[in-house]
N, C-alpha and C. Protein backbone atom coordinates (compact mmCIF):
# COMPACT_ATOMS: atom_id res chain seq x y z
N MET A 1 21.62 15.95 6.09
CA MET A 1 20.28 15.58 5.72
C MET A 1 20.34 14.70 4.48
N GLY A 2 19.55 13.62 4.47
CA GLY A 2 19.58 12.66 3.38
C GLY A 2 18.89 13.16 2.14
N ARG A 3 19.22 12.50 1.08
CA ARG A 3 18.65 12.81 -0.22
C ARG A 3 17.38 11.99 -0.41
N SER A 4 16.37 12.56 -1.04
CA SER A 4 15.14 11.84 -1.30
C SER A 4 15.40 10.72 -2.30
N THR A 5 14.75 9.61 -2.07
CA THR A 5 14.88 8.45 -2.94
C THR A 5 13.66 8.38 -3.85
N LYS A 6 13.91 8.30 -5.13
CA LYS A 6 12.84 8.18 -6.11
C LYS A 6 12.15 6.83 -5.90
N VAL A 7 10.82 6.82 -6.01
CA VAL A 7 10.02 5.61 -5.84
C VAL A 7 9.17 5.42 -7.09
N ILE A 8 9.18 4.20 -7.63
CA ILE A 8 8.37 3.89 -8.80
C ILE A 8 7.36 2.82 -8.41
N ILE A 9 6.09 3.14 -8.59
CA ILE A 9 4.99 2.21 -8.37
C ILE A 9 4.25 2.07 -9.69
N ARG A 10 4.26 0.85 -10.19
CA ARG A 10 3.70 0.56 -11.51
C ARG A 10 4.42 1.44 -12.54
N GLU A 11 3.75 2.37 -13.16
CA GLU A 11 4.40 3.25 -14.13
C GLU A 11 4.50 4.68 -13.64
N ARG A 12 4.17 4.90 -12.36
CA ARG A 12 4.17 6.26 -11.79
C ARG A 12 5.45 6.46 -10.98
N THR A 13 6.14 7.55 -11.24
CA THR A 13 7.37 7.87 -10.52
C THR A 13 7.10 8.99 -9.53
N PHE A 14 7.55 8.79 -8.30
CA PHE A 14 7.43 9.78 -7.24
C PHE A 14 8.82 10.27 -6.88
N ALA A 15 8.93 11.55 -6.58
CA ALA A 15 10.23 12.15 -6.25
C ALA A 15 10.77 11.63 -4.92
N SER A 16 9.89 11.15 -4.05
CA SER A 16 10.31 10.67 -2.73
C SER A 16 9.27 9.70 -2.19
N LYS A 17 9.66 9.01 -1.12
CA LYS A 17 8.70 8.13 -0.44
C LYS A 17 7.54 8.95 0.11
N LYS A 18 7.83 10.12 0.65
CA LYS A 18 6.77 10.98 1.19
C LYS A 18 5.76 11.35 0.11
N ALA A 19 6.25 11.67 -1.08
CA ALA A 19 5.34 12.01 -2.19
C ALA A 19 4.45 10.82 -2.54
N ALA A 20 5.00 9.62 -2.50
CA ALA A 20 4.22 8.42 -2.79
C ALA A 20 3.17 8.19 -1.69
N VAL A 21 3.58 8.33 -0.43
CA VAL A 21 2.63 8.17 0.69
C VAL A 21 1.50 9.18 0.54
N ASP A 22 1.84 10.42 0.28
CA ASP A 22 0.82 11.48 0.13
C ASP A 22 -0.15 11.15 -0.99
N TYR A 23 0.36 10.67 -2.12
CA TYR A 23 -0.49 10.32 -3.26
C TYR A 23 -1.55 9.30 -2.87
N PHE A 24 -1.13 8.22 -2.23
CA PHE A 24 -2.08 7.17 -1.85
C PHE A 24 -3.00 7.63 -0.72
N MET A 25 -2.47 8.32 0.26
CA MET A 25 -3.29 8.75 1.40
C MET A 25 -4.31 9.81 0.97
N ASP A 26 -3.95 10.65 0.03
CA ASP A 26 -4.87 11.69 -0.46
C ASP A 26 -6.06 11.10 -1.21
N ARG A 27 -5.98 9.85 -1.62
CA ARG A 27 -7.06 9.23 -2.39
C ARG A 27 -7.97 8.34 -1.55
N ARG A 28 -7.74 8.30 -0.23
CA ARG A 28 -8.55 7.43 0.64
C ARG A 28 -10.03 7.78 0.58
N GLU A 29 -10.37 9.05 0.68
CA GLU A 29 -11.78 9.46 0.67
C GLU A 29 -12.46 9.07 -0.64
N GLU A 30 -11.73 9.22 -1.74
CA GLU A 30 -12.25 8.86 -3.05
C GLU A 30 -12.56 7.36 -3.12
N VAL A 31 -11.65 6.54 -2.61
CA VAL A 31 -11.85 5.09 -2.62
C VAL A 31 -13.00 4.71 -1.69
N LYS A 32 -13.06 5.33 -0.52
CA LYS A 32 -14.15 5.05 0.42
C LYS A 32 -15.49 5.38 -0.21
N ALA A 33 -15.57 6.50 -0.91
CA ALA A 33 -16.82 6.94 -1.53
C ALA A 33 -17.29 5.98 -2.63
N CYS A 34 -16.37 5.40 -3.37
CA CYS A 34 -16.78 4.50 -4.46
C CYS A 34 -16.99 3.07 -3.97
N GLY A 35 -16.62 2.77 -2.75
CA GLY A 35 -16.85 1.44 -2.19
C GLY A 35 -15.66 0.52 -2.31
N GLN A 36 -15.16 0.35 -3.52
CA GLN A 36 -13.98 -0.48 -3.72
C GLN A 36 -13.38 -0.19 -5.09
N VAL A 37 -12.10 -0.48 -5.21
CA VAL A 37 -11.39 -0.32 -6.48
C VAL A 37 -11.06 -1.73 -6.96
N THR A 38 -11.59 -2.09 -8.14
CA THR A 38 -11.40 -3.44 -8.66
C THR A 38 -10.72 -3.48 -10.02
N GLU A 39 -10.50 -2.31 -10.62
CA GLU A 39 -9.87 -2.27 -11.94
C GLU A 39 -9.34 -0.86 -12.20
N GLY A 40 -8.58 -0.75 -13.26
CA GLY A 40 -8.07 0.55 -13.67
C GLY A 40 -6.66 0.81 -13.19
N ALA A 41 -6.15 1.97 -13.56
CA ALA A 41 -4.76 2.33 -13.26
C ALA A 41 -4.49 2.39 -11.75
N PHE A 42 -5.42 2.95 -10.98
CA PHE A 42 -5.19 3.06 -9.54
C PHE A 42 -5.18 1.67 -8.89
N PHE A 43 -6.07 0.78 -9.33
CA PHE A 43 -6.06 -0.60 -8.84
C PHE A 43 -4.70 -1.24 -9.15
N ASP A 44 -4.21 -1.05 -10.37
CA ASP A 44 -2.93 -1.63 -10.76
C ASP A 44 -1.79 -1.09 -9.90
N GLU A 45 -1.84 0.20 -9.57
CA GLU A 45 -0.81 0.79 -8.70
C GLU A 45 -0.88 0.19 -7.30
N LEU A 46 -2.08 0.08 -6.75
CA LEU A 46 -2.23 -0.51 -5.42
C LEU A 46 -1.80 -1.98 -5.42
N ALA A 47 -2.16 -2.71 -6.47
CA ALA A 47 -1.77 -4.12 -6.56
C ALA A 47 -0.26 -4.28 -6.65
N ASP A 48 0.39 -3.41 -7.42
CA ASP A 48 1.85 -3.44 -7.51
C ASP A 48 2.47 -3.13 -6.15
N LEU A 49 1.97 -2.10 -5.50
CA LEU A 49 2.47 -1.72 -4.17
C LEU A 49 2.31 -2.88 -3.20
N TYR A 50 1.12 -3.46 -3.12
CA TYR A 50 0.86 -4.51 -2.14
C TYR A 50 1.66 -5.78 -2.47
N SER A 51 1.72 -6.16 -3.73
CA SER A 51 2.46 -7.37 -4.13
C SER A 51 3.94 -7.23 -3.81
N ARG A 52 4.50 -6.08 -4.10
CA ARG A 52 5.93 -5.86 -3.79
C ARG A 52 6.16 -5.83 -2.29
N TYR A 53 5.23 -5.26 -1.54
CA TYR A 53 5.31 -5.28 -0.07
C TYR A 53 5.33 -6.72 0.42
N CYS A 54 4.43 -7.53 -0.09
CA CYS A 54 4.36 -8.94 0.32
C CYS A 54 5.66 -9.68 0.02
N SER A 55 6.26 -9.39 -1.12
CA SER A 55 7.48 -10.10 -1.49
C SER A 55 8.67 -9.70 -0.64
N THR A 56 8.59 -8.58 0.08
CA THR A 56 9.70 -8.14 0.92
C THR A 56 9.45 -8.32 2.40
N SER A 57 8.24 -8.74 2.77
CA SER A 57 7.86 -8.79 4.18
C SER A 57 7.39 -10.18 4.59
N PRO A 58 8.17 -10.86 5.44
CA PRO A 58 7.74 -12.18 5.91
C PRO A 58 6.37 -12.09 6.59
N GLY A 59 5.52 -13.07 6.32
CA GLY A 59 4.20 -13.10 6.92
C GLY A 59 3.13 -12.38 6.11
N TRP A 60 3.53 -11.70 5.05
CA TRP A 60 2.56 -10.96 4.24
C TRP A 60 2.38 -11.60 2.86
N GLY A 61 2.81 -12.83 2.70
CA GLY A 61 2.73 -13.49 1.41
C GLY A 61 1.31 -13.64 0.90
N LEU A 62 1.17 -13.67 -0.41
CA LEU A 62 -0.13 -13.84 -1.04
C LEU A 62 -0.63 -15.28 -0.90
N ASN A 63 0.28 -16.23 -0.78
CA ASN A 63 -0.05 -17.64 -0.55
C ASN A 63 -1.13 -18.17 -1.50
N GLY A 64 -0.98 -17.86 -2.78
CA GLY A 64 -1.91 -18.37 -3.78
C GLY A 64 -3.20 -17.59 -3.93
N ARG A 65 -3.41 -16.60 -3.07
CA ARG A 65 -4.64 -15.80 -3.18
C ARG A 65 -4.43 -14.73 -4.26
N ASN A 66 -5.52 -14.37 -4.90
CA ASN A 66 -5.49 -13.28 -5.87
C ASN A 66 -6.09 -12.03 -5.24
N ILE A 67 -5.54 -10.89 -5.59
CA ILE A 67 -6.08 -9.61 -5.14
C ILE A 67 -7.27 -9.29 -6.05
N VAL A 68 -8.44 -9.05 -5.44
CA VAL A 68 -9.62 -8.75 -6.25
C VAL A 68 -10.12 -7.31 -6.05
N ALA A 69 -9.74 -6.68 -4.94
CA ALA A 69 -10.20 -5.31 -4.70
C ALA A 69 -9.40 -4.65 -3.59
N PHE A 70 -9.49 -3.33 -3.57
CA PHE A 70 -8.97 -2.54 -2.46
C PHE A 70 -10.11 -1.68 -1.96
N VAL A 71 -10.21 -1.57 -0.65
CA VAL A 71 -11.23 -0.74 -0.01
C VAL A 71 -10.54 0.16 1.00
N VAL A 72 -11.26 1.18 1.42
CA VAL A 72 -10.81 2.05 2.50
C VAL A 72 -11.94 2.10 3.51
N ASP A 73 -11.60 1.83 4.75
CA ASP A 73 -12.60 1.86 5.80
C ASP A 73 -11.90 2.24 7.11
N TYR A 74 -12.71 2.53 8.10
CA TYR A 74 -12.15 2.90 9.39
C TYR A 74 -11.61 1.66 10.10
N GLU A 75 -10.46 1.83 10.72
CA GLU A 75 -9.80 0.77 11.46
C GLU A 75 -9.46 1.33 12.83
N LEU A 76 -9.82 0.59 13.87
CA LEU A 76 -9.53 1.02 15.23
C LEU A 76 -8.05 0.75 15.52
N ARG A 77 -7.34 1.77 15.92
CA ARG A 77 -5.91 1.66 16.22
C ARG A 77 -5.63 2.30 17.57
N GLN A 78 -4.59 1.80 18.22
CA GLN A 78 -4.19 2.37 19.50
C GLN A 78 -2.85 3.07 19.32
N ASN A 79 -2.85 4.35 19.62
CA ASN A 79 -1.65 5.17 19.56
C ASN A 79 -1.68 6.05 20.80
N GLY A 80 -1.50 5.40 21.96
CA GLY A 80 -1.65 6.11 23.21
C GLY A 80 -3.09 6.05 23.69
N GLN A 81 -4.01 6.20 22.76
CA GLN A 81 -5.44 6.04 23.02
C GLN A 81 -6.06 5.42 21.77
N TYR A 82 -7.24 4.89 21.91
CA TYR A 82 -7.90 4.29 20.76
C TYR A 82 -8.55 5.37 19.89
N ALA A 83 -8.40 5.21 18.59
CA ALA A 83 -9.03 6.12 17.64
C ALA A 83 -9.23 5.35 16.33
N GLN A 84 -10.13 5.82 15.51
CA GLN A 84 -10.37 5.20 14.22
C GLN A 84 -9.69 6.02 13.13
N TYR A 85 -9.04 5.31 12.21
CA TYR A 85 -8.33 5.94 11.10
C TYR A 85 -8.79 5.30 9.80
N LEU A 86 -8.83 6.10 8.75
CA LEU A 86 -9.13 5.56 7.42
C LEU A 86 -7.92 4.78 6.94
N CYS A 87 -8.12 3.49 6.67
CA CYS A 87 -7.03 2.62 6.27
C CYS A 87 -7.37 1.86 4.99
N TYR A 88 -6.35 1.60 4.22
CA TYR A 88 -6.51 0.73 3.05
C TYR A 88 -6.60 -0.71 3.52
N LYS A 89 -7.42 -1.47 2.80
CA LYS A 89 -7.55 -2.91 3.04
C LYS A 89 -7.57 -3.60 1.68
N VAL A 90 -6.97 -4.77 1.63
CA VAL A 90 -6.95 -5.55 0.41
C VAL A 90 -7.95 -6.70 0.56
N ARG A 91 -8.72 -6.96 -0.50
CA ARG A 91 -9.65 -8.08 -0.51
C ARG A 91 -9.08 -9.14 -1.46
N PHE A 92 -9.03 -10.37 -0.95
CA PHE A 92 -8.49 -11.48 -1.72
C PHE A 92 -9.61 -12.33 -2.33
N SER A 93 -9.22 -13.21 -3.22
CA SER A 93 -10.17 -14.09 -3.90
C SER A 93 -10.93 -15.00 -2.94
N ASN A 94 -10.39 -15.28 -1.77
CA ASN A 94 -11.10 -16.09 -0.77
C ASN A 94 -11.97 -15.23 0.15
N GLN A 95 -12.16 -13.96 -0.21
CA GLN A 95 -12.97 -12.96 0.50
C GLN A 95 -12.33 -12.45 1.79
N GLU A 96 -11.10 -12.88 2.10
CA GLU A 96 -10.39 -12.32 3.26
C GLU A 96 -10.13 -10.84 3.00
N LEU A 97 -10.29 -10.04 4.04
CA LEU A 97 -10.05 -8.60 3.97
C LEU A 97 -8.95 -8.28 4.97
N ARG A 98 -7.83 -7.74 4.49
CA ARG A 98 -6.67 -7.51 5.34
C ARG A 98 -6.23 -6.05 5.26
N PRO A 99 -6.20 -5.34 6.41
CA PRO A 99 -5.70 -3.97 6.40
C PRO A 99 -4.18 -3.95 6.20
N PHE A 100 -3.70 -2.86 5.64
CA PHE A 100 -2.25 -2.69 5.51
C PHE A 100 -1.91 -1.22 5.54
N SER A 101 -0.67 -0.95 5.87
CA SER A 101 -0.17 0.42 6.00
C SER A 101 0.55 0.83 4.71
N ILE A 102 0.08 1.90 4.11
CA ILE A 102 0.75 2.45 2.92
C ILE A 102 2.18 2.84 3.27
N ASP A 103 2.36 3.51 4.40
CA ASP A 103 3.69 3.96 4.81
C ASP A 103 4.64 2.77 5.01
N LYS A 104 4.19 1.74 5.71
CA LYS A 104 5.04 0.57 5.94
C LYS A 104 5.32 -0.17 4.64
N ALA A 105 4.33 -0.25 3.76
CA ALA A 105 4.54 -0.91 2.47
C ALA A 105 5.59 -0.17 1.65
N LEU A 106 5.48 1.14 1.58
CA LEU A 106 6.46 1.92 0.81
C LEU A 106 7.84 1.87 1.45
N SER A 107 7.91 1.88 2.77
CA SER A 107 9.21 1.76 3.45
C SER A 107 9.88 0.44 3.11
N ALA A 108 9.11 -0.64 3.11
CA ALA A 108 9.66 -1.96 2.78
C ALA A 108 10.17 -1.99 1.34
N ILE A 109 9.41 -1.39 0.44
CA ILE A 109 9.81 -1.36 -0.97
C ILE A 109 11.09 -0.54 -1.16
N VAL A 110 11.16 0.62 -0.50
CA VAL A 110 12.35 1.47 -0.60
C VAL A 110 13.58 0.73 -0.07
N ARG A 111 13.43 0.04 1.07
CA ARG A 111 14.56 -0.72 1.64
C ARG A 111 14.99 -1.83 0.69
N ALA A 112 14.03 -2.55 0.13
CA ALA A 112 14.36 -3.64 -0.80
C ALA A 112 15.05 -3.11 -2.06
N ASP A 113 14.55 -1.99 -2.58
CA ASP A 113 15.18 -1.40 -3.77
C ASP A 113 16.60 -0.95 -3.46
N ALA A 114 16.83 -0.41 -2.27
CA ALA A 114 18.18 0.03 -1.87
C ALA A 114 19.11 -1.17 -1.75
N ARG A 115 18.61 -2.28 -1.19
CA ARG A 115 19.43 -3.49 -1.08
C ARG A 115 19.83 -3.99 -2.46
N HIS A 116 18.86 -4.02 -3.38
CA HIS A 116 19.14 -4.49 -4.73
C HIS A 116 20.12 -3.58 -5.46
N ALA A 117 20.04 -2.30 -5.22
CA ALA A 117 20.94 -1.33 -5.86
C ALA A 117 22.37 -1.50 -5.36
N ASN A 118 22.54 -1.98 -4.13
CA ASN A 118 23.87 -2.15 -3.55
C ASN A 118 24.47 -3.52 -3.83
N GLU A 119 23.74 -4.38 -4.51
CA GLU A 119 24.26 -5.73 -4.81
C GLU A 119 25.14 -5.72 -6.02
């Protein structure tokens, strides 16, 4: 069985990727209730997470856009059948709203950090 990999997002350290996923997923209802996150420590953590995800994932580049907010809303997904799930979405300065996966973002960051550690 593998050892948990420490994950650092902004200034917050998580004992594992799972702990980081849980932290962000547990706050979805809070973000949905307030409408959007546009400032503060949690915004900074989400911005760090998303920016690092973009830098490691082709096709997810910021392309000159600025992150202005994060929202949580229902997104229709197919997983054998269609269902709606609460998902994070990033809002850019051009008003584009793009959903993203916390789990996939953290996985990409962990892989990139592991590659850099082995260089």
